[in-house]
N, C-alpha and C. Protein backbone atom coordinates (compact mmCIF):
# COMPACT_ATOMS: atom_id res chain seq x y z
N MET A 1 76.82 24.78 39.32
CA MET A 1 75.51 25.34 39.58
C MET A 1 75.61 26.19 40.85
N ALA A 2 75.25 27.42 40.76
CA ALA A 2 75.26 28.30 41.93
C ALA A 2 74.07 27.98 42.81
N ARG A 3 74.32 27.80 44.11
CA ARG A 3 73.25 27.44 45.03
C ARG A 3 72.15 28.49 45.08
N ASP A 4 72.50 29.75 44.87
CA ASP A 4 71.47 30.78 44.93
C ASP A 4 70.48 30.65 43.77
N ARG A 5 70.82 29.83 42.77
CA ARG A 5 69.91 29.62 41.64
C ARG A 5 69.22 28.27 41.72
N MET A 6 69.51 27.50 42.74
CA MET A 6 68.88 26.20 42.90
C MET A 6 67.44 26.40 43.38
N ILE A 7 66.53 25.69 42.77
CA ILE A 7 65.13 25.72 43.17
C ILE A 7 64.96 24.75 44.33
N VAL A 8 64.36 25.21 45.41
CA VAL A 8 64.11 24.36 46.58
C VAL A 8 62.66 24.55 46.98
N VAL A 9 61.90 23.45 46.95
CA VAL A 9 60.47 23.53 47.27
C VAL A 9 60.05 22.36 48.15
N THR A 10 58.95 22.55 48.85
CA THR A 10 58.39 21.48 49.68
C THR A 10 57.37 20.65 48.91
N THR A 11 57.14 21.00 47.67
CA THR A 11 56.18 20.31 46.83
C THR A 11 56.89 19.30 45.92
N GLU A 12 56.10 18.47 45.24
CA GLU A 12 56.67 17.47 44.33
C GLU A 12 57.00 18.04 42.97
N THR A 13 56.40 19.17 42.62
CA THR A 13 56.60 19.76 41.31
C THR A 13 56.85 21.25 41.44
N VAL A 14 57.31 21.84 40.35
CA VAL A 14 57.52 23.29 40.28
C VAL A 14 56.79 23.77 39.04
N SER A 15 55.89 24.71 39.24
CA SER A 15 55.12 25.24 38.12
C SER A 15 56.05 25.78 37.04
N GLY A 16 55.77 25.40 35.80
CA GLY A 16 56.56 25.89 34.67
C GLY A 16 57.84 25.11 34.43
N HIS A 17 58.09 24.06 35.19
CA HIS A 17 59.28 23.23 35.03
C HIS A 17 58.88 21.76 35.00
N ARG A 18 59.73 20.97 34.39
CA ARG A 18 59.51 19.53 34.44
C ARG A 18 60.79 18.85 34.88
N ILE A 19 60.63 17.79 35.64
CA ILE A 19 61.77 17.02 36.11
C ILE A 19 62.25 16.14 34.96
N VAL A 20 63.54 16.27 34.63
CA VAL A 20 64.10 15.46 33.56
C VAL A 20 64.96 14.32 34.10
N GLU A 21 65.39 14.44 35.36
CA GLU A 21 66.17 13.36 35.96
C GLU A 21 66.06 13.44 37.49
N VAL A 22 65.79 12.31 38.10
CA VAL A 22 65.79 12.20 39.56
C VAL A 22 67.16 11.65 39.95
N LEU A 23 67.87 12.40 40.79
CA LEU A 23 69.24 12.04 41.15
C LEU A 23 69.35 11.32 42.48
N GLY A 24 68.34 11.42 43.31
CA GLY A 24 68.34 10.71 44.58
C GLY A 24 68.15 11.61 45.78
N LEU A 25 68.31 11.01 46.94
CA LEU A 25 68.12 11.71 48.20
C LEU A 25 69.31 12.62 48.49
N ALA A 26 69.00 13.87 48.81
CA ALA A 26 70.02 14.82 49.27
C ALA A 26 69.71 15.11 50.73
N ARG A 27 70.75 15.14 51.55
CA ARG A 27 70.50 15.34 52.97
C ARG A 27 71.62 16.14 53.60
N GLY A 28 71.27 16.78 54.69
CA GLY A 28 72.24 17.54 55.48
C GLY A 28 71.77 17.59 56.91
N ASN A 29 72.72 17.56 57.84
CA ASN A 29 72.31 17.59 59.23
C ASN A 29 73.33 18.35 60.07
N THR A 30 72.92 18.66 61.27
CA THR A 30 73.80 19.25 62.26
C THR A 30 73.26 18.85 63.63
N ILE A 31 74.16 18.72 64.57
CA ILE A 31 73.77 18.43 65.95
C ILE A 31 74.23 19.59 66.81
N ARG A 32 73.32 20.13 67.56
CA ARG A 32 73.62 21.29 68.40
C ARG A 32 73.35 20.96 69.86
N ALA A 33 74.23 21.43 70.71
CA ALA A 33 74.06 21.26 72.16
C ALA A 33 73.62 22.58 72.77
N ARG A 34 72.84 22.46 73.81
CA ARG A 34 72.42 23.65 74.53
C ARG A 34 73.62 24.21 75.30
N HIS A 35 73.49 25.44 75.69
CA HIS A 35 74.55 26.15 76.41
C HIS A 35 74.03 26.46 77.81
N LEU A 36 74.86 26.23 78.83
CA LEU A 36 74.44 26.43 80.21
C LEU A 36 73.87 27.82 80.44
N GLY A 37 74.52 28.85 79.92
CA GLY A 37 74.03 30.22 80.08
C GLY A 37 72.66 30.39 79.46
N ARG A 38 72.44 29.79 78.31
CA ARG A 38 71.13 29.86 77.66
C ARG A 38 70.09 29.13 78.49
N ASP A 39 70.48 27.98 79.08
CA ASP A 39 69.53 27.21 79.90
C ASP A 39 69.07 28.01 81.10
N ILE A 40 69.98 28.71 81.74
CA ILE A 40 69.62 29.53 82.91
C ILE A 40 68.64 30.61 82.50
N MET A 41 68.94 31.32 81.41
CA MET A 41 68.05 32.37 80.93
C MET A 41 66.71 31.80 80.47
N ALA A 42 66.74 30.64 79.82
CA ALA A 42 65.50 30.00 79.36
C ALA A 42 64.63 29.61 80.55
N GLY A 43 65.27 29.12 81.63
CA GLY A 43 64.52 28.76 82.83
C GLY A 43 63.83 29.97 83.43
N LEU A 44 64.54 31.09 83.47
CA LEU A 44 63.93 32.32 83.98
C LEU A 44 62.80 32.78 83.09
N LYS A 45 63.02 32.71 81.76
CA LYS A 45 62.01 33.15 80.81
C LYS A 45 60.76 32.27 80.89
N SER A 46 60.95 30.98 81.14
CA SER A 46 59.79 30.08 81.20
C SER A 46 58.88 30.42 82.39
N MET A 47 59.43 31.06 83.40
CA MET A 47 58.61 31.44 84.56
C MET A 47 57.69 32.60 84.24
N VAL A 48 58.13 33.49 83.35
CA VAL A 48 57.32 34.67 83.04
C VAL A 48 56.63 34.55 81.68
N GLY A 49 57.02 33.56 80.89
CA GLY A 49 56.40 33.35 79.58
C GLY A 49 57.08 34.14 78.49
N GLY A 50 56.75 33.80 77.26
CA GLY A 50 57.29 34.50 76.11
C GLY A 50 58.30 33.67 75.35
N GLU A 51 58.76 34.23 74.27
CA GLU A 51 59.71 33.55 73.39
C GLU A 51 61.09 33.45 74.05
N ILE A 52 61.71 32.32 73.88
CA ILE A 52 63.08 32.13 74.36
C ILE A 52 63.99 32.35 73.15
N LYS A 53 64.38 33.60 72.98
CA LYS A 53 65.07 34.02 71.75
C LYS A 53 66.39 33.30 71.52
N SER A 54 67.11 32.97 72.58
CA SER A 54 68.40 32.30 72.38
C SER A 54 68.19 30.92 71.75
N TYR A 55 67.11 30.21 72.13
CA TYR A 55 66.83 28.92 71.52
C TYR A 55 66.30 29.09 70.10
N THR A 56 65.51 30.11 69.88
CA THR A 56 65.03 30.39 68.53
C THR A 56 66.21 30.63 67.60
N GLU A 57 67.18 31.44 68.04
CA GLU A 57 68.38 31.71 67.24
C GLU A 57 69.19 30.44 67.02
N LEU A 58 69.33 29.62 68.05
CA LEU A 58 70.09 28.38 67.94
C LEU A 58 69.46 27.46 66.89
N LEU A 59 68.14 27.29 66.94
CA LEU A 59 67.46 26.42 65.98
C LEU A 59 67.46 27.00 64.57
N THR A 60 67.37 28.32 64.46
CA THR A 60 67.43 28.96 63.15
C THR A 60 68.78 28.71 62.50
N LYS A 61 69.85 28.88 63.27
CA LYS A 61 71.20 28.63 62.73
C LYS A 61 71.37 27.16 62.38
N ALA A 62 70.85 26.27 63.20
CA ALA A 62 70.95 24.84 62.92
C ALA A 62 70.20 24.48 61.64
N ARG A 63 69.02 25.04 61.46
CA ARG A 63 68.22 24.79 60.26
C ARG A 63 68.95 25.29 59.01
N GLU A 64 69.53 26.48 59.10
CA GLU A 64 70.28 27.04 57.97
C GLU A 64 71.49 26.18 57.63
N GLU A 65 72.18 25.69 58.65
CA GLU A 65 73.35 24.85 58.42
C GLU A 65 72.97 23.52 57.78
N ALA A 66 71.92 22.88 58.29
CA ALA A 66 71.46 21.61 57.72
C ALA A 66 71.01 21.82 56.27
N LEU A 67 70.30 22.90 56.01
CA LEU A 67 69.86 23.20 54.64
C LEU A 67 71.04 23.43 53.72
N ALA A 68 72.03 24.18 54.16
CA ALA A 68 73.22 24.45 53.35
C ALA A 68 73.95 23.15 53.02
N ARG A 69 74.05 22.26 53.99
CA ARG A 69 74.72 20.97 53.75
C ARG A 69 73.93 20.11 52.76
N MET A 70 72.60 20.15 52.86
CA MET A 70 71.78 19.40 51.92
C MET A 70 71.94 19.95 50.52
N LEU A 71 71.95 21.29 50.39
CA LEU A 71 72.10 21.91 49.08
C LEU A 71 73.47 21.60 48.48
N GLU A 72 74.50 21.58 49.31
CA GLU A 72 75.84 21.23 48.83
C GLU A 72 75.86 19.80 48.29
N GLU A 73 75.22 18.89 49.00
CA GLU A 73 75.15 17.51 48.53
C GLU A 73 74.38 17.42 47.22
N ALA A 74 73.25 18.13 47.12
CA ALA A 74 72.46 18.12 45.88
C ALA A 74 73.28 18.69 44.73
N GLU A 75 74.00 19.75 44.99
CA GLU A 75 74.86 20.37 43.97
C GLU A 75 75.93 19.39 43.51
N ASP A 76 76.54 18.68 44.45
CA ASP A 76 77.56 17.68 44.11
C ASP A 76 77.00 16.56 43.25
N MET A 77 75.71 16.29 43.40
CA MET A 77 75.04 15.26 42.60
C MET A 77 74.69 15.77 41.20
N GLY A 78 74.83 17.08 40.97
CA GLY A 78 74.49 17.66 39.68
C GLY A 78 73.09 18.20 39.59
N ALA A 79 72.43 18.37 40.72
CA ALA A 79 71.04 18.85 40.74
C ALA A 79 70.97 20.35 40.51
N ASN A 80 69.85 20.78 39.96
CA ASN A 80 69.56 22.21 39.90
C ASN A 80 68.28 22.53 40.69
N ALA A 81 67.76 21.48 41.39
CA ALA A 81 66.57 21.67 42.21
C ALA A 81 66.48 20.56 43.25
N VAL A 82 65.78 20.88 44.35
CA VAL A 82 65.44 19.88 45.36
C VAL A 82 63.94 20.00 45.59
N VAL A 83 63.24 18.88 45.43
CA VAL A 83 61.80 18.87 45.66
C VAL A 83 61.52 18.07 46.92
N ASN A 84 60.33 18.26 47.47
CA ASN A 84 59.90 17.57 48.70
C ASN A 84 60.82 17.83 49.88
N LEU A 85 61.31 19.05 50.03
CA LEU A 85 62.16 19.40 51.17
C LEU A 85 61.41 19.17 52.47
N ARG A 86 62.10 18.55 53.41
CA ARG A 86 61.55 18.31 54.74
C ARG A 86 62.63 18.57 55.78
N PHE A 87 62.19 18.94 56.98
CA PHE A 87 63.07 19.09 58.14
C PHE A 87 62.56 18.16 59.22
N THR A 88 63.46 17.61 59.97
CA THR A 88 63.07 16.82 61.14
C THR A 88 64.07 17.11 62.25
N THR A 89 63.62 16.96 63.47
CA THR A 89 64.46 17.20 64.64
C THR A 89 64.33 16.01 65.56
N SER A 90 65.44 15.62 66.16
CA SER A 90 65.39 14.54 67.14
C SER A 90 66.42 14.80 68.23
N SER A 91 66.12 14.31 69.39
CA SER A 91 67.04 14.42 70.52
C SER A 91 68.04 13.28 70.41
N VAL A 92 69.32 13.61 70.47
CA VAL A 92 70.34 12.57 70.36
C VAL A 92 70.97 12.24 71.71
N MET A 93 70.84 13.14 72.65
CA MET A 93 71.30 12.93 74.02
C MET A 93 70.77 14.07 74.87
N GLN A 94 70.91 13.97 76.16
CA GLN A 94 70.45 15.03 77.06
C GLN A 94 71.11 16.35 76.66
N GLY A 95 70.31 17.32 76.27
CA GLY A 95 70.83 18.64 75.98
C GLY A 95 71.35 18.83 74.56
N ALA A 96 71.15 17.84 73.67
CA ALA A 96 71.61 17.98 72.29
C ALA A 96 70.55 17.47 71.33
N ALA A 97 70.39 18.16 70.22
CA ALA A 97 69.39 17.78 69.23
C ALA A 97 69.99 17.81 67.83
N GLU A 98 69.49 16.92 67.00
CA GLU A 98 69.90 16.89 65.60
C GLU A 98 68.81 17.56 64.78
N LEU A 99 69.22 18.40 63.84
CA LEU A 99 68.31 18.96 62.86
C LEU A 99 68.72 18.38 61.52
N PHE A 100 67.79 17.78 60.81
CA PHE A 100 68.05 17.04 59.59
C PHE A 100 67.19 17.63 58.47
N ALA A 101 67.81 17.97 57.35
CA ALA A 101 67.10 18.46 56.17
C ALA A 101 67.28 17.43 55.06
N TYR A 102 66.20 17.12 54.35
CA TYR A 102 66.32 16.16 53.25
C TYR A 102 65.28 16.45 52.17
N GLY A 103 65.60 16.01 50.98
CA GLY A 103 64.70 16.18 49.85
C GLY A 103 65.23 15.38 48.68
N THR A 104 64.50 15.42 47.58
CA THR A 104 64.90 14.70 46.38
C THR A 104 65.64 15.65 45.45
N ALA A 105 66.89 15.31 45.15
CA ALA A 105 67.69 16.09 44.22
C ALA A 105 67.28 15.72 42.79
N VAL A 106 66.98 16.74 41.99
CA VAL A 106 66.53 16.51 40.63
C VAL A 106 67.20 17.49 39.67
N ARG A 107 67.12 17.15 38.40
CA ARG A 107 67.47 18.11 37.35
C ARG A 107 66.15 18.50 36.68
N MET A 108 65.92 19.81 36.58
CA MET A 108 64.70 20.34 35.99
C MET A 108 65.04 21.21 34.81
N GLU A 109 64.04 21.38 33.95
CA GLU A 109 64.17 22.35 32.87
C GLU A 109 62.82 23.02 32.66
N PRO A 110 62.85 24.25 32.15
CA PRO A 110 61.57 24.94 31.89
C PRO A 110 60.75 24.16 30.88
N GLU A 111 59.42 24.22 31.04
CA GLU A 111 58.52 23.54 30.08
C GLU A 111 58.47 24.30 28.78
């Protein structure tokens, strides 16, 4: 199953499709540490306000990596869709955070 054809939704159902088999929990995660250079720039940016782009980019890449790992696991399970996709973030130590993606791997077919 090509990942680019996998259906991924935050809902329990997909219009026009029915779930024929629930395969279980699919998950993917990554842990990212902050970078000293980014911290210095973020500190300066926080004084004047605005978006801290280096952190936005860091979290975007982490989210994409966690999602890719979750999709790989779902694919290995034989899924062609993941429903109820969720993301969560937690601090694992000073200066490092985990980004976790999870959902229910299913097999769907058109109605």
